[in-house]
Protein backbone atom coordinates (compact mmCIF):
# COMPACT_ATOMS: atom_id res chain seq x y z
CA MET A 1 61.71 131.15 23.92
CA LYS A 2 63.32 132.85 26.65
CA TYR A 3 65.31 131.00 29.03
CA ARG A 4 67.31 132.23 32.38
CA PHE A 5 71.11 131.23 32.80
CA ALA A 6 72.93 132.08 35.82
CA VAL A 7 76.84 131.24 36.01
CA CYS A 8 78.27 130.96 39.30
CA ASP A 9 82.18 131.26 39.30
CA ASP A 10 84.65 132.86 41.18
CA ARG A 11 87.24 133.12 38.58
CA PRO A 12 85.83 136.14 36.25
CA GLU A 13 87.50 135.01 33.23
CA ASP A 14 85.83 131.47 33.19
CA SER A 15 82.89 133.28 34.27
CA ARG A 16 83.09 135.17 31.07
CA LEU A 17 84.13 132.20 28.82
CA VAL A 18 80.67 130.41 30.27
CA ALA A 19 78.44 133.58 29.57
CA SER A 20 79.81 134.00 26.26
CA LEU A 21 78.84 130.41 25.41
CA ALA A 22 75.42 130.73 26.42
CA ALA A 23 75.07 134.07 24.67
CA ARG A 24 76.39 131.99 21.86
CA TRP A 25 74.16 128.89 22.32
CA ALA A 26 70.94 130.95 22.06
CA ARG A 27 72.01 132.93 18.73
CA ARG A 28 72.56 129.61 16.94
CA GLU A 29 69.41 128.32 18.17
CA GLY A 30 67.57 131.19 18.11
CA ALA A 31 66.26 131.62 21.37
CA GLU A 32 66.49 134.85 23.77
CA ALA A 33 68.77 134.56 26.77
CA GLU A 34 69.07 136.46 30.00
CA ILE A 35 72.42 135.81 31.40
CA GLU A 36 73.52 136.42 35.17
CA THR A 37 76.95 135.89 36.47
CA PHE A 38 77.91 135.37 40.29
CA PRO A 39 80.77 135.51 41.46
CA SER A 40 80.07 133.28 44.48
CA ALA A 41 77.41 130.85 45.32
CA GLU A 42 76.52 133.11 48.43
CA ALA A 43 75.97 135.86 46.08
CA PHE A 44 73.96 133.51 43.86
CA LEU A 45 71.86 132.57 46.75
CA PHE A 46 71.07 136.12 47.72
CA ARG A 47 69.66 136.97 44.21
CA TYR A 48 67.71 133.43 44.33
CA GLY A 49 66.01 133.95 47.47
CA GLU A 50 64.33 137.51 45.98
CA LYS A 51 63.43 135.29 42.92
CA LYS A 52 63.69 131.71 41.76
CA ASP A 53 63.26 131.88 38.19
CA PHE A 54 66.66 130.43 36.63
CA ASP A 55 66.04 127.78 33.96
CA VAL A 56 69.71 126.65 33.66
CA LEU A 57 72.16 126.33 36.56
CA LEU A 58 76.00 126.64 35.33
CA LEU A 59 78.18 126.20 38.41
CA ASP A 60 81.94 125.79 39.42
CA ILE A 61 82.69 123.38 42.01
CA GLU A 62 85.51 124.75 43.42
CA MET A 63 85.11 127.73 44.86
CA SER A 64 85.94 129.92 47.93
CA GLY A 65 83.18 129.95 50.63
CA MET A 66 80.56 127.44 49.77
CA ASP A 67 81.49 124.97 46.95
CA GLY A 68 78.77 124.46 43.71
CA VAL A 69 77.81 121.39 45.02
CA ALA A 70 76.58 122.82 48.45
CA LEU A 71 75.03 125.50 46.44
CA ALA A 72 72.95 122.84 44.37
CA LYS A 73 71.76 120.57 47.50
CA THR A 74 70.23 123.87 48.48
CA VAL A 75 68.55 124.63 45.50
CA ARG A 76 67.67 121.08 45.13
CA ARG A 77 65.53 121.56 48.36
CA ASP A 78 62.85 123.47 46.83
CA ASN A 79 63.41 123.09 42.90
CA GLU A 80 63.48 120.04 41.16
CA ALA A 81 62.82 121.56 37.87
CA VAL A 82 66.29 123.42 37.44
CA GLN A 83 68.92 122.26 35.19
CA ILE A 84 71.97 121.94 36.79
CA VAL A 85 75.34 121.64 34.92
CA PHE A 86 78.48 121.68 36.70
CA ILE A 87 81.65 122.80 35.40
CA THR A 88 84.96 121.55 36.79
CA GLY A 89 88.82 121.21 36.45
CA TYR A 90 88.52 118.13 38.25
CA ALA A 91 86.80 114.63 37.97
CA ASP A 92 86.62 113.91 41.75
CA TYR A 93 83.54 115.41 42.32
CA ILE A 94 81.12 113.51 39.34
CA ALA A 95 79.70 110.98 42.05
CA GLU A 96 78.32 114.06 43.78
CA GLY A 97 76.52 115.10 40.87
CA TYR A 98 74.03 112.18 41.61
CA GLU A 99 72.93 113.31 44.68
CA VAL A 100 71.30 116.62 42.87
CA SER A 101 70.16 115.34 39.65
CA ALA A 102 72.90 117.23 37.88
CA LEU A 103 72.44 116.81 33.98
CA HIS A 104 76.53 117.20 33.02
CA TYR A 105 79.74 117.81 34.00
CA LEU A 106 82.07 119.83 31.57
CA MET A 107 85.59 120.05 32.10
CA LYS A 108 87.73 122.99 32.45
CA PRO A 109 88.57 124.22 29.76
CA VAL A 110 85.07 124.08 28.37
CA ASN A 111 84.74 122.85 24.73
CA GLY A 112 82.21 124.99 22.85
CA GLU A 113 80.47 122.35 20.83
CA LYS A 114 80.16 120.15 24.09
CA PHE A 115 78.93 123.06 25.84
CA HIS A 116 76.12 123.47 23.18
CA GLN A 117 75.13 120.01 23.30
CA VAL A 118 74.57 119.98 27.08
CA LEU A 119 72.79 123.22 26.71
CA THR A 120 70.61 122.13 24.04
CA ARG A 121 69.61 118.74 26.58
CA ALA A 122 68.98 121.06 29.23
CA VAL A 123 66.11 122.60 27.72
CA GLY A 124 64.96 119.75 25.93
CA ARG A 125 64.53 118.19 29.36
CA LEU A 126 62.80 121.37 30.37
CA ALA A 127 60.30 121.36 27.43
CA ARG A 128 59.58 117.64 28.67
CA ASN A 129 59.22 118.43 32.35
CA GLU A 130 57.50 121.59 32.38
CA PRO A 131 53.78 122.30 32.26
CA LEU A 132 53.46 125.66 29.87
CA LEU A 133 50.43 128.08 29.20
CA THR A 134 50.50 128.88 25.27
CA LEU A 135 49.38 132.29 24.56
CA GLU A 136 48.42 133.83 21.09
CA LEU A 137 49.86 137.23 20.83
CA PRO A 138 49.41 139.48 17.97
CA GLY A 139 52.32 138.58 15.92
CA GLU A 140 53.90 136.07 18.19
CA THR A 141 52.88 132.81 20.28
CA VAL A 142 54.28 132.98 23.90
CA ARG A 143 54.72 129.78 25.76
CA LEU A 144 54.99 130.49 29.69
CA PRO A 145 56.32 127.66 32.07
CA LEU A 146 53.29 127.55 34.87
CA ARG A 147 55.98 128.15 37.76
CA GLU A 148 56.70 131.53 36.41
CA ILE A 149 52.67 132.73 36.53
CA ARG A 150 52.27 134.57 39.39
CA TRP A 151 48.50 135.63 38.64
CA LEU A 152 46.00 136.41 36.24
CA ASP A 153 43.29 139.30 36.13
CA VAL A 154 40.48 140.28 34.23
CA ARG A 155 40.76 143.98 32.44
CA GLN A 156 38.02 145.03 30.65
CA ASN A 157 37.70 142.30 27.90
CA TYR A 158 41.09 140.73 28.15
CA VAL A 159 43.07 138.49 30.79
CA THR A 160 46.19 139.70 31.80
CA VAL A 161 48.92 136.83 32.79
CA HIS A 162 51.59 138.09 34.76
CA ALA A 163 54.68 136.27 34.55
CA ARG A 164 58.32 137.51 33.59
CA GLY A 165 56.33 140.21 31.90
CA ASP A 166 52.60 141.25 31.50
CA TYR A 167 50.36 139.50 28.65
CA ALA A 168 47.21 140.42 27.89
CA VAL A 169 45.14 137.86 25.90
CA LYS A 170 41.30 138.06 24.75
CA ARG A 171 40.21 134.64 26.07
CA PRO A 172 37.76 134.10 29.00
CA LEU A 173 39.63 133.40 32.48
CA SER A 174 37.54 130.04 33.17
CA GLU A 175 39.29 128.75 29.61
CA LEU A 176 42.63 129.70 30.93
CA GLU A 177 42.20 128.09 34.18
CA THR A 178 41.59 124.58 32.51
CA GLU A 179 44.69 124.67 31.38
CA LEU A 180 46.61 125.38 35.20
CA ASP A 181 47.16 123.02 37.81
CA ARG A 182 46.97 122.64 41.43
CA ARG A 183 49.37 125.57 42.11
CA PHE A 184 46.70 128.11 40.79
CA TYR A 185 43.38 129.37 42.75
CA ARG A 186 40.43 131.04 41.89
CA VAL A 187 40.18 134.31 43.71
CA GLY A 188 36.42 135.51 43.18
CA ARG A 189 35.59 135.98 39.82
CA SER A 190 38.53 137.88 38.06
CA CYS A 191 41.43 136.43 39.52
CA ILE A 192 43.64 133.50 39.67
CA VAL A 193 46.43 133.28 41.84
CA ASN A 194 49.64 130.87 41.83
CA LEU A 195 49.81 129.67 45.57
CA THR A 196 53.75 129.33 45.34
CA TYR A 197 54.16 132.86 45.06
CA ILE A 198 51.68 133.84 48.40
CA ARG A 199 53.85 135.31 51.00
CA ARG A 200 50.78 136.42 53.39
CA VAL A 201 46.94 136.47 53.29
CA THR A 202 45.09 139.03 55.18
CA ARG A 203 41.25 139.62 55.21
CA THR A 204 41.43 142.00 52.53
CA GLU A 205 44.29 140.96 50.23
CA ALA A 206 46.85 138.30 49.78
CA GLU A 207 50.48 139.63 49.32
CA LEU A 208 52.74 137.90 46.67
CA THR A 209 56.75 137.28 47.10
CA THR A 210 57.03 139.91 44.56
CA GLY A 211 55.64 142.52 46.94
CA GLU A 212 52.37 142.66 44.56
CA ARG A 213 49.01 142.98 46.27
CA ILE A 214 45.94 141.49 45.05
CA PRO A 215 42.77 142.54 46.87
CA LEU A 216 40.53 139.69 47.95
CA PRO A 217 37.09 139.38 47.86
CA ARG A 218 34.82 139.01 51.11
CA GLY A 219 34.62 135.39 52.10
CA GLN A 220 37.66 134.36 50.22
CA TYR A 221 40.35 134.73 53.47
CA GLU A 222 39.44 131.12 55.11
CA LYS A 223 39.04 129.44 51.43
CA LEU A 224 42.40 130.70 50.36
CA ASN A 225 44.43 129.92 53.24
CA GLN A 226 42.64 126.28 52.78
CA ALA A 227 43.76 126.04 49.39
CA ILE A 228 47.50 127.14 50.35
CA ILE A 229 47.33 124.38 53.06
CA HIS A 230 46.10 121.60 50.88
CA ASN A 231 47.48 122.45 47.44
CA ILE A 232 51.13 122.97 48.10
């Protein structure tokens, strides 16, 4: 399983330590980890505005500019799934964590074993809360959180699932459709789109937040707009 971690801390040495501990956790657990570090809340939000694909946020609280609590509140406005862990040198902020459903507070200096336990709890909660699409690929099984899937389309005898990567499976689109939820809408015979990724709809295409464009069959414009209104 692959997880995406964001480390936000304005002290470079602390940021490097937390990132290294996350990488160590992944090695011990046999997981894949993509770890991005940010020197400020503002830098994180700039990236987050483009792509909201993090699984765990490891946030320092005391930062110049926007602090970690304010950052967490901003993220929580539209993301209930991401796991938030605060890292702080002070115990004074613990009460504020309840408002953003923080998983845990880690006190500086961060203890490696405690950090490992907290990340294990975080991914366990992700597994319990996150609906997944399981794909059997040659030599591996991939479990994709539904929120990461942008769209699915039929190409010859395969369905390509577009998420963090593109995954081609030899299964009917109608079969995969039964494993999706109300965020997904069938656009004609050969495509299903995640409504939460749609930025703009015209008579001829749907543009996603990633810039991808999906052609719309005739008669789908009104139906797709109604699906967006009623399902998300």
